[in-house]
């Protein structure tokens, strides 16, 4: 399946794609940055709360990004819907990243499910399921 890069202003293109996120009988649409440098999937805690998840009841872990600032997140299993298919994955819910406008999908929980091809020249991301 193929997705178009998302344009932010005149100069910036990012591999941001739409997905669904499901937990029990709740689901929402969400955009995620496909990030080969991310170790795992991180979504804003507000997304988890909208799905009815008690965020802080999850496994607590710590992450530090490019700034080196450590922050706590909470791991829960959700279903990601990509291209009409559901995949159960562990996702970290991190408070206060809603300002980004999207979550992040990374090595565990996304790249271990899909072969990902980035084509900036065509402004296209291609995902192929692993066999």
N, C-alpha and C. Protein backbone atom coordinates (compact mmCIF):
# COMPACT_ATOMS: atom_id res chain seq x y z
N UNK A 1 0.83 -1.17 0.00
CA UNK A 1 0.00 0.00 0.00
C UNK A 1 0.88 1.24 0.00
N UNK A 2 0.39 2.29 -0.64
CA UNK A 2 1.18 3.50 -0.78
C UNK A 2 0.46 4.68 -0.15
N UNK A 3 1.27 5.58 0.41
CA UNK A 3 0.77 6.79 1.03
C UNK A 3 1.60 7.96 0.52
N UNK A 4 0.99 9.12 0.44
CA UNK A 4 1.69 10.33 0.05
C UNK A 4 2.35 10.96 1.28
N UNK A 5 3.51 11.55 1.08
CA UNK A 5 4.12 12.37 2.13
C UNK A 5 3.16 13.52 2.43
N UNK A 6 3.22 14.03 3.63
CA UNK A 6 2.39 15.17 4.01
C UNK A 6 3.24 16.43 3.96
N UNK A 7 2.67 17.47 3.39
CA UNK A 7 3.38 18.74 3.24
C UNK A 7 3.05 19.65 4.42
N UNK A 8 4.11 20.23 4.98
CA UNK A 8 3.99 21.22 6.05
C UNK A 8 4.63 22.51 5.55
N UNK A 9 3.82 23.44 5.09
CA UNK A 9 4.35 24.67 4.52
C UNK A 9 4.90 24.39 3.13
N UNK A 10 5.64 25.35 2.62
CA UNK A 10 6.16 25.26 1.25
C UNK A 10 7.36 24.33 1.14
N UNK A 11 8.13 24.16 2.20
CA UNK A 11 9.43 23.48 2.11
C UNK A 11 9.51 22.11 2.76
N UNK A 12 8.59 21.78 3.66
CA UNK A 12 8.76 20.59 4.49
C UNK A 12 7.80 19.47 4.08
N UNK A 13 8.38 18.31 3.80
CA UNK A 13 7.62 17.08 3.55
C UNK A 13 7.99 16.08 4.63
N UNK A 14 6.99 15.38 5.14
CA UNK A 14 7.26 14.35 6.14
C UNK A 14 6.46 13.10 5.81
N UNK A 15 7.02 11.94 6.14
CA UNK A 15 6.29 10.69 5.91
C UNK A 15 5.27 10.45 7.02
N UNK A 16 4.21 11.23 6.98
CA UNK A 16 3.11 11.14 7.95
C UNK A 16 1.94 10.47 7.26
N UNK A 17 1.42 9.40 7.88
CA UNK A 17 0.33 8.63 7.27
C UNK A 17 -0.84 8.51 8.25
N UNK A 18 -2.05 8.29 7.71
CA UNK A 18 -3.21 8.07 8.57
C UNK A 18 -3.31 6.60 8.98
N UNK A 19 -3.67 6.37 10.23
CA UNK A 19 -3.93 5.02 10.72
C UNK A 19 -5.16 5.07 11.61
N UNK A 20 -5.65 3.91 11.98
CA UNK A 20 -6.66 3.81 13.01
C UNK A 20 -6.01 3.22 14.25
N UNK A 21 -6.51 3.58 15.41
CA UNK A 21 -6.03 3.02 16.67
C UNK A 21 -7.26 2.51 17.41
N UNK A 22 -7.21 1.23 17.82
CA UNK A 22 -8.35 0.61 18.49
C UNK A 22 -7.94 0.07 19.85
N UNK A 23 -8.87 0.18 20.79
CA UNK A 23 -8.70 -0.42 22.11
C UNK A 23 -10.09 -0.82 22.58
N UNK A 24 -10.26 -2.12 22.82
CA UNK A 24 -11.57 -2.68 23.18
C UNK A 24 -12.60 -2.23 22.15
N UNK A 25 -13.67 -1.53 22.59
CA UNK A 25 -14.71 -1.13 21.63
C UNK A 25 -14.60 0.32 21.19
N UNK A 26 -13.42 0.93 21.36
CA UNK A 26 -13.20 2.31 20.97
C UNK A 26 -12.18 2.36 19.83
N UNK A 27 -12.36 3.32 18.92
CA UNK A 27 -11.37 3.51 17.87
C UNK A 27 -11.34 4.98 17.46
N UNK A 28 -10.18 5.43 17.02
CA UNK A 28 -10.02 6.79 16.52
C UNK A 28 -9.09 6.77 15.31
N UNK A 29 -9.15 7.80 14.53
CA UNK A 29 -8.21 8.00 13.43
C UNK A 29 -7.08 8.89 13.96
N UNK A 30 -5.87 8.62 13.51
CA UNK A 30 -4.70 9.32 14.04
C UNK A 30 -3.65 9.36 12.94
N UNK A 31 -2.85 10.40 12.94
CA UNK A 31 -1.74 10.46 11.99
C UNK A 31 -0.45 10.14 12.72
N UNK A 32 0.46 9.44 12.01
CA UNK A 32 1.74 9.06 12.61
C UNK A 32 2.87 9.35 11.64
N UNK A 33 3.99 9.74 12.20
CA UNK A 33 5.22 9.91 11.45
C UNK A 33 5.90 8.55 11.37
N UNK A 34 6.19 8.08 10.18
CA UNK A 34 6.91 6.82 9.99
C UNK A 34 8.39 7.14 10.16
N UNK A 35 8.97 6.71 11.29
CA UNK A 35 10.30 7.17 11.71
C UNK A 35 11.24 5.99 11.90
N UNK A 36 12.13 5.78 10.94
CA UNK A 36 13.07 4.66 11.02
C UNK A 36 14.06 4.83 12.16
N UNK A 37 14.17 6.02 12.71
CA UNK A 37 15.08 6.25 13.84
C UNK A 37 14.44 6.04 15.19
N UNK A 38 13.13 5.81 15.21
CA UNK A 38 12.42 5.58 16.47
C UNK A 38 12.50 4.10 16.83
N UNK A 39 12.77 3.82 18.09
CA UNK A 39 12.88 2.43 18.53
C UNK A 39 11.52 1.75 18.64
N UNK A 40 10.48 2.51 18.94
CA UNK A 40 9.15 1.94 19.17
C UNK A 40 8.10 2.99 18.85
N UNK A 41 6.84 2.66 19.05
CA UNK A 41 5.73 3.56 18.74
C UNK A 41 5.38 4.39 19.97
N UNK A 42 5.22 5.68 19.76
CA UNK A 42 4.84 6.61 20.82
C UNK A 42 3.68 7.46 20.34
N UNK A 43 2.61 7.48 21.13
CA UNK A 43 1.44 8.31 20.83
C UNK A 43 1.20 9.24 22.01
N UNK A 44 0.48 10.32 21.76
CA UNK A 44 0.15 11.24 22.84
C UNK A 44 -0.81 10.56 23.81
N UNK A 45 -0.62 10.82 25.10
CA UNK A 45 -1.46 10.22 26.14
C UNK A 45 -2.94 10.53 25.92
N UNK A 46 -3.23 11.68 25.36
CA UNK A 46 -4.62 12.06 25.11
C UNK A 46 -5.30 11.06 24.17
N UNK A 47 -4.56 10.50 23.23
CA UNK A 47 -5.12 9.48 22.33
C UNK A 47 -5.56 8.26 23.14
N UNK A 48 -4.70 7.82 24.04
CA UNK A 48 -5.06 6.69 24.90
C UNK A 48 -6.28 6.97 25.75
N UNK A 49 -6.34 8.17 26.30
CA UNK A 49 -7.49 8.54 27.13
C UNK A 49 -8.77 8.55 26.31
N UNK A 50 -8.70 9.04 25.06
CA UNK A 50 -9.88 9.03 24.18
C UNK A 50 -10.34 7.61 23.88
N UNK A 51 -9.41 6.66 23.94
CA UNK A 51 -9.74 5.25 23.71
C UNK A 51 -10.24 4.55 24.97
N UNK A 52 -10.25 5.27 26.09
CA UNK A 52 -10.71 4.68 27.34
C UNK A 52 -9.63 3.97 28.13
N UNK A 53 -8.37 4.22 27.83
CA UNK A 53 -7.26 3.57 28.52
C UNK A 53 -6.87 4.39 29.74
N UNK A 54 -6.70 3.71 30.87
CA UNK A 54 -6.12 4.34 32.07
C UNK A 54 -4.61 4.34 31.85
N UNK A 55 -4.10 5.43 31.30
CA UNK A 55 -2.72 5.50 30.83
C UNK A 55 -1.72 5.04 31.88
N UNK A 56 -1.82 5.57 33.08
CA UNK A 56 -0.81 5.29 34.11
C UNK A 56 -0.88 3.88 34.67
N UNK A 57 -1.87 3.08 34.24
CA UNK A 57 -1.93 1.68 34.67
C UNK A 57 -1.01 0.79 33.84
N UNK A 58 -0.45 1.34 32.76
CA UNK A 58 0.44 0.58 31.90
C UNK A 58 1.83 0.45 32.48
N UNK A 59 2.65 -0.34 31.80
CA UNK A 59 4.04 -0.51 32.21
C UNK A 59 4.77 0.82 32.02
N UNK A 60 5.38 1.32 33.08
CA UNK A 60 6.07 2.61 33.04
C UNK A 60 7.48 2.42 32.49
N UNK A 61 7.86 3.31 31.57
CA UNK A 61 9.20 3.28 31.02
C UNK A 61 9.66 4.71 30.78
N UNK A 62 10.91 4.86 30.38
CA UNK A 62 11.45 6.21 30.17
C UNK A 62 12.07 6.31 28.78
N UNK A 63 11.94 7.48 28.19
CA UNK A 63 12.50 7.75 26.87
C UNK A 63 13.22 9.08 26.92
N UNK A 64 14.27 9.18 26.12
CA UNK A 64 14.90 10.49 25.93
C UNK A 64 15.16 10.64 24.44
N UNK A 65 14.69 11.73 23.91
CA UNK A 65 14.82 11.97 22.48
C UNK A 65 16.10 12.69 22.14
N UNK A 66 16.07 13.41 21.06
CA UNK A 66 17.24 14.09 20.55
C UNK A 66 17.78 15.13 21.54
N UNK A 67 16.89 15.66 22.39
CA UNK A 67 17.32 16.67 23.37
C UNK A 67 17.98 16.04 24.58
N UNK A 68 17.78 14.73 24.77
CA UNK A 68 18.35 14.04 25.92
C UNK A 68 17.52 14.18 27.18
N UNK A 69 16.41 14.90 27.10
CA UNK A 69 15.53 15.07 28.26
C UNK A 69 14.73 13.78 28.46
N UNK A 70 14.80 13.22 29.67
CA UNK A 70 14.09 11.98 29.97
C UNK A 70 12.64 12.27 30.33
N UNK A 71 11.74 11.46 29.76
CA UNK A 71 10.32 11.57 30.05
C UNK A 71 9.73 10.18 30.23
N UNK A 72 8.71 10.08 31.07
CA UNK A 72 8.05 8.80 31.31
C UNK A 72 6.90 8.60 30.33
N UNK A 73 6.74 7.35 29.91
CA UNK A 73 5.60 6.96 29.09
C UNK A 73 5.07 5.64 29.64
N UNK A 74 3.87 5.25 29.16
CA UNK A 74 3.19 4.08 29.69
C UNK A 74 2.76 3.18 28.53
N UNK A 75 3.14 1.90 28.62
CA UNK A 75 2.95 0.96 27.52
C UNK A 75 1.62 0.22 27.65
N UNK A 76 0.90 0.16 26.54
CA UNK A 76 -0.36 -0.58 26.44
C UNK A 76 -0.42 -1.25 25.07
N UNK A 77 -1.15 -2.35 24.98
CA UNK A 77 -1.36 -3.01 23.70
C UNK A 77 -2.64 -2.47 23.08
N UNK A 78 -2.52 -2.04 21.83
CA UNK A 78 -3.65 -1.55 21.05
C UNK A 78 -3.59 -2.21 19.67
N UNK A 79 -4.64 -2.02 18.89
CA UNK A 79 -4.63 -2.48 17.50
C UNK A 79 -4.43 -1.27 16.60
N UNK A 80 -3.46 -1.36 15.70
CA UNK A 80 -3.28 -0.34 14.68
C UNK A 80 -3.96 -0.84 13.42
N UNK A 81 -4.75 0.02 12.79
CA UNK A 81 -5.38 -0.32 11.53
C UNK A 81 -4.64 0.43 10.43
N UNK A 82 -4.01 -0.34 9.55
CA UNK A 82 -3.23 0.23 8.45
C UNK A 82 -3.68 -0.47 7.17
N UNK A 83 -4.18 0.31 6.23
CA UNK A 83 -4.62 -0.27 4.97
C UNK A 83 -5.73 -1.28 5.13
N UNK A 84 -6.57 -1.10 6.14
CA UNK A 84 -7.70 -2.00 6.36
C UNK A 84 -7.40 -3.24 7.18
N UNK A 85 -6.15 -3.41 7.60
CA UNK A 85 -5.75 -4.57 8.40
C UNK A 85 -5.40 -4.14 9.81
N UNK A 86 -5.75 -4.98 10.79
CA UNK A 86 -5.44 -4.69 12.19
C UNK A 86 -4.20 -5.45 12.64
N UNK A 87 -3.37 -4.76 13.42
CA UNK A 87 -2.14 -5.34 13.96
C UNK A 87 -2.07 -4.99 15.44
N UNK A 88 -1.99 -6.00 16.31
CA UNK A 88 -1.84 -5.75 17.74
C UNK A 88 -0.39 -5.40 18.04
N UNK A 89 -0.18 -4.24 18.65
CA UNK A 89 1.17 -3.78 18.95
C UNK A 89 1.19 -3.10 20.32
N UNK A 90 2.38 -3.07 20.90
CA UNK A 90 2.59 -2.31 22.13
C UNK A 90 2.97 -0.89 21.75
N UNK A 91 2.29 0.06 22.40
CA UNK A 91 2.48 1.48 22.13
C UNK A 91 2.76 2.19 23.45
N UNK A 92 3.69 3.12 23.42
CA UNK A 92 3.94 3.96 24.58
C UNK A 92 3.11 5.22 24.48
N UNK A 93 2.40 5.55 25.55
CA UNK A 93 1.62 6.79 25.60
C UNK A 93 2.38 7.80 26.43
N UNK A 94 2.71 8.93 25.82
CA UNK A 94 3.55 9.96 26.41
C UNK A 94 2.74 11.25 26.53
N UNK A 95 2.64 11.82 27.73
CA UNK A 95 1.93 13.09 27.87
C UNK A 95 2.61 14.22 27.10
N UNK A 96 1.80 15.13 26.64
CA UNK A 96 2.26 16.41 26.09
C UNK A 96 3.02 16.34 24.77
N UNK A 97 2.61 15.47 23.87
CA UNK A 97 3.18 15.55 22.52
C UNK A 97 2.11 15.90 21.48
N UNK A 98 0.91 16.25 21.95
CA UNK A 98 -0.18 16.60 21.03
C UNK A 98 0.20 17.77 20.14
N UNK A 99 1.06 18.65 20.62
CA UNK A 99 1.46 19.82 19.82
C UNK A 99 2.14 19.44 18.51
N UNK A 100 2.68 18.22 18.43
CA UNK A 100 3.29 17.76 17.19
C UNK A 100 2.26 17.55 16.09
N UNK A 101 1.06 17.18 16.50
CA UNK A 101 0.01 16.91 15.52
C UNK A 101 -0.03 15.48 15.04
N UNK A 102 0.91 14.65 15.52
CA UNK A 102 0.94 13.24 15.13
C UNK A 102 1.76 12.45 16.15
N UNK A 103 1.59 11.13 16.10
CA UNK A 103 2.41 10.22 16.88
C UNK A 103 3.58 9.74 16.03
N UNK A 104 4.30 8.77 16.56
CA UNK A 104 5.47 8.22 15.88
C UNK A 104 5.37 6.70 15.88
N UNK A 105 5.60 6.09 14.71
CA UNK A 105 5.72 4.64 14.65
C UNK A 105 7.17 4.30 14.29
N UNK A 106 7.72 3.29 14.98
CA UNK A 106 9.13 3.00 14.84
C UNK A 106 9.43 1.53 14.62
N UNK A 107 10.65 1.15 14.99
CA UNK A 107 11.18 -0.19 14.71
C UNK A 107 10.27 -1.29 15.27
N UNK A 108 10.01 -1.26 16.57
CA UNK A 108 9.13 -2.26 17.19
C UNK A 108 7.70 -1.75 17.08
N UNK A 109 6.84 -2.56 16.52
CA UNK A 109 5.44 -2.20 16.39
C UNK A 109 5.07 -1.66 15.03
N UNK A 110 6.06 -1.44 14.14
CA UNK A 110 5.75 -0.99 12.79
C UNK A 110 6.72 -1.58 11.77
N UNK A 111 8.02 -1.26 11.91
CA UNK A 111 9.01 -1.77 10.96
C UNK A 111 9.19 -3.28 11.09
N UNK A 112 8.80 -3.86 12.21
CA UNK A 112 8.85 -5.31 12.33
C UNK A 112 7.61 -5.98 11.71
N UNK A 113 6.63 -5.17 11.32
CA UNK A 113 5.42 -5.67 10.66
C UNK A 113 5.50 -5.43 9.15
N UNK A 114 6.06 -4.28 8.77
CA UNK A 114 6.09 -3.87 7.37
C UNK A 114 7.51 -3.69 6.86
N UNK A 115 7.69 -3.95 5.57
CA UNK A 115 8.85 -3.47 4.84
C UNK A 115 8.47 -2.08 4.37
N UNK A 116 9.30 -1.10 4.69
CA UNK A 116 8.96 0.30 4.41
C UNK A 116 9.93 0.86 3.37
N UNK A 117 9.36 1.46 2.33
CA UNK A 117 10.18 2.11 1.31
C UNK A 117 9.82 3.60 1.28
N UNK A 118 10.83 4.43 1.53
CA UNK A 118 10.66 5.87 1.46
C UNK A 118 11.13 6.32 0.08
N UNK A 119 10.32 7.12 -0.61
CA UNK A 119 10.70 7.67 -1.90
C UNK A 119 10.38 9.17 -1.88
N UNK A 120 11.35 9.95 -1.41
CA UNK A 120 11.15 11.38 -1.28
C UNK A 120 10.91 12.04 -2.64
N UNK A 121 11.61 11.59 -3.66
CA UNK A 121 11.46 12.19 -4.99
C UNK A 121 10.01 12.06 -5.49
N UNK A 122 9.38 10.93 -5.19
CA UNK A 122 7.98 10.73 -5.59
C UNK A 122 7.00 11.18 -4.49
N UNK A 123 7.57 11.60 -3.34
CA UNK A 123 6.76 12.02 -2.18
C UNK A 123 5.81 10.89 -1.77
N UNK A 124 6.39 9.68 -1.65
CA UNK A 124 5.59 8.49 -1.44
C UNK A 124 6.25 7.53 -0.45
N UNK A 125 5.44 6.90 0.38
CA UNK A 125 5.87 5.84 1.29
C UNK A 125 5.13 4.58 0.87
N UNK A 126 5.86 3.49 0.72
CA UNK A 126 5.22 2.22 0.37
C UNK A 126 5.43 1.24 1.51
N UNK A 127 4.34 0.59 1.91
CA UNK A 127 4.38 -0.43 2.96
C UNK A 127 4.02 -1.77 2.35
N UNK A 128 4.81 -2.78 2.69
CA UNK A 128 4.50 -4.15 2.29
C UNK A 128 4.52 -5.01 3.54
N UNK A 129 3.47 -5.80 3.71
CA UNK A 129 3.43 -6.70 4.86
C UNK A 129 4.49 -7.77 4.77
N UNK A 130 5.03 -8.15 5.91
CA UNK A 130 6.04 -9.21 5.94
C UNK A 130 5.33 -10.55 5.79
N UNK A 131 5.96 -11.46 5.07
CA UNK A 131 5.36 -12.78 4.84
C UNK A 131 5.80 -13.77 5.86
